[in-house]
Amino acid sequence: MAEEKTFETNLKDLENLVKELEAGNVPLEDAIKKYTEAMELAKNCSDKLNTATEKVNKILASDGELKDFEIKEEK
């Protein structure tokens, strides 16, 4: 099984693909392949960001379970 790439690696690969496609020097068949790869990388990055957001929105409670973090305002 191949090792999963980091968010940063995926983002850099996506940026490179976008630059290649924006240059406009890519034959149509290659452009379609690069576009498809770019869309997969974009989805992967989005998924990783969503996962990170979910983790940031949780805190470790004293009983060891993850619970939603809520700010309680004093009145």
PDB file of N, CA and C in Angstrom:
ATOM      1  N   MET A   1       0.838  -1.179   0.000  1.00  0.00           N
ATOM      2  CA  MET A   1       0.000   0.000   0.000  1.00  0.00           C
ATOM      3  C   MET A   1       0.884   1.243   0.000  1.00  0.00           C
ATOM      4  N   ALA A   2       0.611   2.180  -0.868  1.00  0.00           N
ATOM      5  CA  ALA A   2       1.403   3.398  -0.975  1.00  0.00           C
ATOM      6  C   ALA A   2       1.121   4.313   0.217  1.00  0.00           C
ATOM      7  N   GLU A   3       2.160   5.011   0.641  1.00  0.00           N
ATOM      8  CA  GLU A   3       2.018   5.935   1.758  1.00  0.00           C
ATOM      9  C   GLU A   3       1.197   7.139   1.318  1.00  0.00           C
ATOM     10  N   GLU A   4       0.276   7.563   2.178  1.00  0.00           N
ATOM     11  CA  GLU A   4      -0.585   8.700   1.860  1.00  0.00           C
ATOM     12  C   GLU A   4       0.219   9.997   1.904  1.00  0.00           C
ATOM     13  N   LYS A   5       0.013  10.833   0.891  1.00  0.00           N
ATOM     14  CA  LYS A   5       0.721  12.114   0.823  1.00  0.00           C
ATOM     15  C   LYS A   5       0.157  13.084   1.849  1.00  0.00           C
ATOM     16  N   THR A   6       0.992  14.010   2.266  1.00  0.00           N
ATOM     17  CA  THR A   6       0.548  15.029   3.214  1.00  0.00           C
ATOM     18  C   THR A   6      -0.305  16.063   2.495  1.00  0.00           C
ATOM     19  N   PHE A   7      -1.016  16.854   3.278  1.00  0.00           N
ATOM     20  CA  PHE A   7      -1.819  17.946   2.734  1.00  0.00           C
ATOM     21  C   PHE A   7      -0.935  18.893   1.933  1.00  0.00           C
ATOM     22  N   GLU A   8       0.217  19.219   2.492  1.00  0.00           N
ATOM     23  CA  GLU A   8       1.127  20.168   1.836  1.00  0.00           C
ATOM     24  C   GLU A   8       1.632  19.635   0.490  1.00  0.00           C
ATOM     25  N   THR A   9       1.945  18.349   0.437  1.00  0.00           N
ATOM     26  CA  THR A   9       2.398  17.738  -0.813  1.00  0.00           C
ATOM     27  C   THR A   9       1.283  17.759  -1.852  1.00  0.00           C
ATOM     28  N   ASN A  10       0.072  17.401  -1.432  1.00  0.00           N
ATOM     29  CA  ASN A  10      -1.073  17.423  -2.340  1.00  0.00           C
ATOM     30  C   ASN A  10      -1.335  18.832  -2.856  1.00  0.00           C
ATOM     31  N   LEU A  11      -1.240  19.815  -1.974  1.00  0.00           N
ATOM     32  CA  LEU A  11      -1.486  21.199  -2.370  1.00  0.00           C
ATOM     33  C   LEU A  11      -0.437  21.673  -3.371  1.00  0.00           C
ATOM     34  N   LYS A  12       0.825  21.328  -3.137  1.00  0.00           N
ATOM     35  CA  LYS A  12       1.903  21.714  -4.057  1.00  0.00           C
ATOM     36  C   LYS A  12       1.697  21.051  -5.424  1.00  0.00           C
ATOM     37  N   ASP A  13       1.327  19.757  -5.422  1.00  0.00           N
ATOM     38  CA  ASP A  13       1.050  19.055  -6.679  1.00  0.00           C
ATOM     39  C   ASP A  13      -0.110  19.715  -7.420  1.00  0.00           C
ATOM     40  N   LEU A  14      -1.138  20.105  -6.677  1.00  0.00           N
ATOM     41  CA  LEU A  14      -2.294  20.772  -7.272  1.00  0.00           C
ATOM     42  C   LEU A  14      -1.882  22.111  -7.888  1.00  0.00           C
ATOM     43  N   GLU A  15      -1.079  22.877  -7.158  1.00  0.00           N
ATOM     44  CA  GLU A  15      -0.604  24.167  -7.682  1.00  0.00           C
ATOM     45  C   GLU A  15       0.188  23.981  -8.978  1.00  0.00           C
ATOM     46  N   ASN A  16       1.033  22.953  -9.015  1.00  0.00           N
ATOM     47  CA  ASN A  16       1.824  22.684 -10.223  1.00  0.00           C
ATOM     48  C   ASN A  16       0.941  22.307 -11.407  1.00  0.00           C
ATOM     49  N   LEU A  17      -0.076  21.487 -11.156  1.00  0.00           N
ATOM     50  CA  LEU A  17      -0.993  21.102 -12.229  1.00  0.00           C
ATOM     51  C   LEU A  17      -1.757  22.318 -12.758  1.00  0.00           C
ATOM     52  N   VAL A  18      -2.192  23.174 -11.864  1.00  0.00           N
ATOM     53  CA  VAL A  18      -2.921  24.373 -12.278  1.00  0.00           C
ATOM     54  C   VAL A  18      -2.033  25.269 -13.136  1.00  0.00           C
ATOM     55  N   LYS A  19      -0.772  25.425 -12.731  1.00  0.00           N
ATOM     56  CA  LYS A  19       0.161  26.235 -13.526  1.00  0.00           C
ATOM     57  C   LYS A  19       0.334  25.657 -14.928  1.00  0.00           C
ATOM     58  N   GLU A  20       0.466  24.329 -15.014  1.00  0.00           N
ATOM     59  CA  GLU A  20       0.620  23.676 -16.322  1.00  0.00           C
ATOM     60  C   GLU A  20      -0.615  23.903 -17.193  1.00  0.00           C
ATOM     61  N   LEU A  21      -1.791  23.753 -16.591  1.00  0.00           N
ATOM     62  CA  LEU A  21      -3.026  23.925 -17.351  1.00  0.00           C
ATOM     63  C   LEU A  21      -3.225  25.383 -17.762  1.00  0.00           C
ATOM     64  N   GLU A  22      -2.866  26.317 -16.876  1.00  0.00           N
ATOM     65  CA  GLU A  22      -3.011  27.733 -17.193  1.00  0.00           C
ATOM     66  C   GLU A  22      -2.066  28.176 -18.303  1.00  0.00           C
ATOM     67  N   ALA A  23      -0.929  27.510 -18.422  1.00  0.00           N
ATOM     68  CA  ALA A  23       0.033  27.863 -19.465  1.00  0.00           C
ATOM     69  C   ALA A  23      -0.550  27.604 -20.851  1.00  0.00           C
ATOM     70  N   GLY A  24      -1.475  26.657 -20.942  1.00  0.00           N
ATOM     71  CA  GLY A  24      -2.158  26.392 -22.194  1.00  0.00           C
ATOM     72  C   GLY A  24      -1.354  25.624 -23.224  1.00  0.00           C
ATOM     73  N   ASN A  25      -0.217  25.071 -22.848  1.00  0.00           N
ATOM     74  CA  ASN A  25       0.639  24.335 -23.784  1.00  0.00           C
ATOM     75  C   ASN A  25       0.469  22.827 -23.686  1.00  0.00           C
ATOM     76  N   VAL A  26      -0.630  22.394 -23.089  1.00  0.00           N
ATOM     77  CA  VAL A  26      -0.852  20.976 -22.843  1.00  0.00           C
ATOM     78  C   VAL A  26      -1.834  20.440 -23.889  1.00  0.00           C
ATOM     79  N   PRO A  27      -1.477  19.345 -24.576  1.00  0.00           N
ATOM     80  CA  PRO A  27      -2.414  18.734 -25.530  1.00  0.00           C
ATOM     81  C   PRO A  27      -3.714  18.342 -24.820  1.00  0.00           C
ATOM     82  N   LEU A  28      -4.810  18.330 -25.549  1.00  0.00           N
ATOM     83  CA  LEU A  28      -6.137  18.104 -24.972  1.00  0.00           C
ATOM     84  C   LEU A  28      -6.208  16.852 -24.115  1.00  0.00           C
ATOM     85  N   GLU A  29      -5.731  15.717 -24.616  1.00  0.00           N
ATOM     86  CA  GLU A  29      -5.805  14.464 -23.846  1.00  0.00           C
ATOM     87  C   GLU A  29      -5.036  14.581 -22.531  1.00  0.00           C
ATOM     88  N   ASP A  30      -3.861  15.194 -22.574  1.00  0.00           N
ATOM     89  CA  ASP A  30      -3.073  15.398 -21.352  1.00  0.00           C
ATOM     90  C   ASP A  30      -3.776  16.374 -20.419  1.00  0.00           C
ATOM     91  N   ALA A  31      -4.399  17.401 -20.983  1.00  0.00           N
ATOM     92  CA  ALA A  31      -5.113  18.389 -20.172  1.00  0.00           C
ATOM     93  C   ALA A  31      -6.261  17.736 -19.418  1.00  0.00           C
ATOM     94  N   ILE A  32      -6.960  16.837 -20.072  1.00  0.00           N
ATOM     95  CA  ILE A  32      -8.071  16.133 -19.419  1.00  0.00           C
ATOM     96  C   ILE A  32      -7.548  15.289 -18.258  1.00  0.00           C
ATOM     97  N   LYS A  33      -6.444  14.582 -18.482  1.00  0.00           N
ATOM     98  CA  LYS A  33      -5.844  13.757 -17.418  1.00  0.00           C
ATOM     99  C   LYS A  33      -5.385  14.640 -16.256  1.00  0.00           C
ATOM    100  N   LYS A  34      -4.726  15.756 -16.585  1.00  0.00           N
ATOM    101  CA  LYS A  34      -4.229  16.660 -15.543  1.00  0.00           C
ATOM    102  C   LYS A  34      -5.388  17.297 -14.776  1.00  0.00           C
ATOM    103  N   TYR A  35      -6.459  17.653 -15.493  1.00  0.00           N
ATOM    104  CA  TYR A  35      -7.632  18.239 -14.842  1.00  0.00           C
ATOM    105  C   TYR A  35      -8.254  17.227 -13.877  1.00  0.00           C
ATOM    106  N   THR A  36      -8.386  15.972 -14.328  1.00  0.00           N
ATOM    107  CA  THR A  36      -8.951  14.922 -13.479  1.00  0.00           C
ATOM    108  C   THR A  36      -8.089  14.722 -12.232  1.00  0.00           C
ATOM    109  N   GLU A  37      -6.776  14.688 -12.427  1.00  0.00           N
ATOM    110  CA  GLU A  37      -5.864  14.541 -11.282  1.00  0.00           C
ATOM    111  C   GLU A  37      -5.979  15.729 -10.340  1.00  0.00           C
ATOM    112  N   ALA A  38      -6.092  16.931 -10.908  1.00  0.00           N
ATOM    113  CA  ALA A  38      -6.220  18.147 -10.096  1.00  0.00           C
ATOM    114  C   ALA A  38      -7.498  18.110  -9.267  1.00  0.00           C
ATOM    115  N   MET A  39      -8.591  17.637  -9.854  1.00  0.00           N
ATOM    116  CA  MET A  39      -9.857  17.551  -9.122  1.00  0.00           C
ATOM    117  C   MET A  39      -9.762  16.548  -7.973  1.00  0.00           C
ATOM    118  N   GLU A  40      -9.063  15.444  -8.196  1.00  0.00           N
ATOM    119  CA  GLU A  40      -8.871  14.458  -7.131  1.00  0.00           C
ATOM    120  C   GLU A  40      -8.017  15.040  -6.003  1.00  0.00           C
ATOM    121  N   LEU A  41      -6.962  15.775  -6.382  1.00  0.00           N
ATOM    122  CA  LEU A  41      -6.117  16.411  -5.366  1.00  0.00           C
ATOM    123  C   LEU A  41      -6.906  17.462  -4.583  1.00  0.00           C
ATOM    124  N   ALA A  42      -7.736  18.238  -5.281  1.00  0.00           N
ATOM    125  CA  ALA A  42      -8.543  19.264  -4.616  1.00  0.00           C
ATOM    126  C   ALA A  42      -9.510  18.616  -3.618  1.00  0.00           C
ATOM    127  N   LYS A  43     -10.123  17.505  -4.005  1.00  0.00           N
ATOM    128  CA  LYS A  43     -11.031  16.808  -3.097  1.00  0.00           C
ATOM    129  C   LYS A  43     -10.276  16.265  -1.891  1.00  0.00           C
ATOM    130  N   ASN A  44      -9.103  15.696  -2.134  1.00  0.00           N
ATOM    131  CA  ASN A  44      -8.296  15.169  -1.042  1.00  0.00           C
ATOM    132  C   ASN A  44      -7.922  16.280  -0.060  1.00  0.00           C
ATOM    133  N   CYS A  45      -7.498  17.429  -0.588  1.00  0.00           N
ATOM    134  CA  CYS A  45      -7.150  18.563   0.268  1.00  0.00           C
ATOM    135  C   CYS A  45      -8.363  19.036   1.067  1.00  0.00           C
ATOM    136  N   SER A  46      -9.502  19.115   0.408  1.00  0.00           N
ATOM    137  CA  SER A  46     -10.734  19.534   1.070  1.00  0.00           C
ATOM    138  C   SER A  46     -11.105  18.565   2.192  1.00  0.00           C
ATOM    139  N   ASP A  47     -11.005  17.271   1.911  1.00  0.00           N
ATOM    140  CA  ASP A  47     -11.303  16.261   2.931  1.00  0.00           C
ATOM    141  C   ASP A  47     -10.382  16.392   4.131  1.00  0.00           C
ATOM    142  N   LYS A  48      -9.085  16.605   3.865  1.00  0.00           N
ATOM    143  CA  LYS A  48      -8.119  16.751   4.963  1.00  0.00           C
ATOM    144  C   LYS A  48      -8.401  18.011   5.788  1.00  0.00           C
ATOM    145  N   LEU A  49      -8.778  19.096   5.111  1.00  0.00           N
ATOM    146  CA  LEU A  49      -9.122  20.324   5.829  1.00  0.00           C
ATOM    147  C   LEU A  49     -10.372  20.130   6.684  1.00  0.00           C
ATOM    148  N   ASN A  50     -11.365  19.437   6.144  1.00  0.00           N
ATOM    149  CA  ASN A  50     -12.586  19.175   6.913  1.00  0.00           C
ATOM    150  C   ASN A  50     -12.287  18.329   8.139  1.00  0.00           C
ATOM    151  N   THR A  51     -11.439  17.335   7.988  1.00  0.00           N
ATOM    152  CA  THR A  51     -11.054  16.493   9.119  1.00  0.00           C
ATOM    153  C   THR A  51     -10.318  17.305  10.176  1.00  0.00           C
ATOM    154  N   ALA A  52      -9.399  18.155   9.724  1.00  0.00           N
ATOM    155  CA  ALA A  52      -8.653  18.996  10.665  1.00  0.00           C
ATOM    156  C   ALA A  52      -9.592  19.957  11.392  1.00  0.00           C
ATOM    157  N   THR A  53     -10.553  20.514  10.659  1.00  0.00           N
ATOM    158  CA  THR A  53     -11.518  21.431  11.274  1.00  0.00           C
ATOM    159  C   THR A  53     -12.331  20.728  12.348  1.00  0.00           C
ATOM    160  N   GLU A  54     -12.766  19.501  12.052  1.00  0.00           N
ATOM    161  CA  GLU A  54     -13.524  18.733  13.035  1.00  0.00           C
ATOM    162  C   GLU A  54     -12.693  18.481  14.287  1.00  0.00           C
ATOM    163  N   LYS A  55     -11.415  18.154  14.104  1.00  0.00           N
ATOM    164  CA  LYS A  55     -10.546  17.880  15.256  1.00  0.00           C
ATOM    165  C   LYS A  55     -10.314  19.138  16.082  1.00  0.00           C
ATOM    166  N   VAL A  56     -10.156  20.275  15.383  1.00  0.00           N
ATOM    167  CA  VAL A  56      -9.922  21.535  16.103  1.00  0.00           C
ATOM    168  C   VAL A  56     -11.156  21.931  16.903  1.00  0.00           C
ATOM    169  N   ASN A  57     -12.341  21.562  16.412  1.00  0.00           N
ATOM    170  CA  ASN A  57     -13.583  21.917  17.086  1.00  0.00           C
ATOM    171  C   ASN A  57     -13.919  20.993  18.253  1.00  0.00           C
ATOM    172  N   LYS A  58     -13.025  20.108  18.580  1.00  0.00           N
ATOM    173  CA  LYS A  58     -13.253  19.191  19.697  1.00  0.00           C
ATOM    174  C   LYS A  58     -12.118  19.353  20.713  1.00  0.00           C
ATOM    175  N   ILE A  59     -12.419  19.059  21.931  1.00  0.00           N
ATOM    176  CA  ILE A  59     -11.368  19.062  22.959  1.00  0.00           C
ATOM    177  C   ILE A  59     -11.421  17.738  23.711  1.00  0.00           C
ATOM    178  N   LEU A  60     -10.298  17.390  24.285  1.00  0.00           N
ATOM    179  CA  LEU A  60     -10.220  16.149  25.039  1.00  0.00           C
ATOM    180  C   LEU A  60     -10.722  16.397  26.461  1.00  0.00           C
ATOM    181  N   ALA A  61     -11.824  15.768  26.815  1.00  0.00           N
ATOM    182  CA  ALA A  61     -12.415  15.928  28.142  1.00  0.00           C
ATOM    183  C   ALA A  61     -11.637  15.089  29.157  1.00  0.00           C
ATOM    184  N   SER A  62     -11.881  15.318  30.402  1.00  0.00           N
ATOM    185  CA  SER A  62     -11.149  14.607  31.455  1.00  0.00           C
ATOM    186  C   SER A  62     -11.379  13.101  31.420  1.00  0.00           C
ATOM    187  N   ASP A  63     -12.507  12.656  30.856  1.00  0.00           N
ATOM    188  CA  ASP A  63     -12.774  11.224  30.790  1.00  0.00           C
ATOM    189  C   ASP A  63     -12.170  10.577  29.543  1.00  0.00           C
ATOM    190  N   GLY A  64     -11.404  11.371  28.762  1.00  0.00           N
ATOM    191  CA  GLY A  64     -10.717  10.830  27.606  1.00  0.00           C
ATOM    192  C   GLY A  64     -11.529  10.796  26.325  1.00  0.00           C
ATOM    193  N   GLU A  65     -12.764  11.280  26.388  1.00  0.00           N
ATOM    194  CA  GLU A  65     -13.601  11.295  25.188  1.00  0.00           C
ATOM    195  C   GLU A  65     -13.568  12.668  24.532  1.00  0.00           C
ATOM    196  N   LEU A  66     -13.653  12.665  23.210  1.00  0.00           N
ATOM    197  CA  LEU A  66     -13.726  13.925  22.477  1.00  0.00           C
ATOM    198  C   LEU A  66     -15.149  14.461  22.554  1.00  0.00           C
ATOM    199  N   LYS A  67     -15.260  15.732  22.894  1.00  0.00           N
ATOM    200  CA  LYS A  67     -16.570  16.362  22.979  1.00  0.00           C
ATOM    201  C   LYS A  67     -16.522  17.685  22.237  1.00  0.00           C
ATOM    202  N   ASP A  68     -17.681  18.126  21.772  1.00  0.00           N
ATOM    203  CA  ASP A  68     -17.748  19.419  21.107  1.00  0.00           C
ATOM    204  C   ASP A  68     -17.305  20.506  22.074  1.00  0.00           C
ATOM    205  N   PHE A  69     -16.546  21.449  21.542  1.00  0.00           N
ATOM    206  CA  PHE A  69     -16.054  22.569  22.333  1.00  0.00           C
ATOM    207  C   PHE A  69     -17.075  23.690  22.284  1.00  0.00           C
ATOM    208  N   GLU A  70     -17.483  24.147  23.436  1.00  0.00           N
ATOM    209  CA  GLU A  70     -18.432  25.253  23.503  1.00  0.00           C
ATOM    210  C   GLU A  70     -17.878  26.307  24.445  1.00  0.00           C
ATOM    211  N   ILE A  71     -17.985  27.556  24.039  1.00  0.00           N
ATOM    212  CA  ILE A  71     -17.577  28.666  24.905  1.00  0.00           C
ATOM    213  C   ILE A  71     -18.783  29.068  25.724  1.00  0.00           C
ATOM    214  N   LYS A  72     -18.638  29.019  27.034  1.00  0.00           N
ATOM    215  CA  LYS A  72     -19.736  29.379  27.914  1.00  0.00           C
ATOM    216  C   LYS A  72     -19.504  30.797  28.415  1.00  0.00           C
ATOM    217  N   GLU A  73     -20.428  31.657  28.082  1.00  0.00           N
ATOM    218  CA  GLU A  73     -20.318  33.052  28.512  1.00  0.00           C
ATOM    219  C   GLU A  73     -20.947  33.214  29.874  1.00  0.00           C
ATOM    220  N   GLU A  74     -20.261  33.966  30.730  1.00  0.00           N
ATOM    221  CA  GLU A  74     -20.802  34.237  32.052  1.00  0.00           C
ATOM    222  C   GLU A  74     -21.725  35.451  31.956  1.00  0.00           C
ATOM    223  N   LYS A  75     -22.841  35.379  32.667  1.00  0.00           N
ATOM    224  CA  LYS A  75     -23.810  36.484  32.616  1.00  0.00           C
ATOM    225  C   LYS A  75     -23.703  37.344  33.835  1.00  0.00           C
TER     226      LYS A  75
END
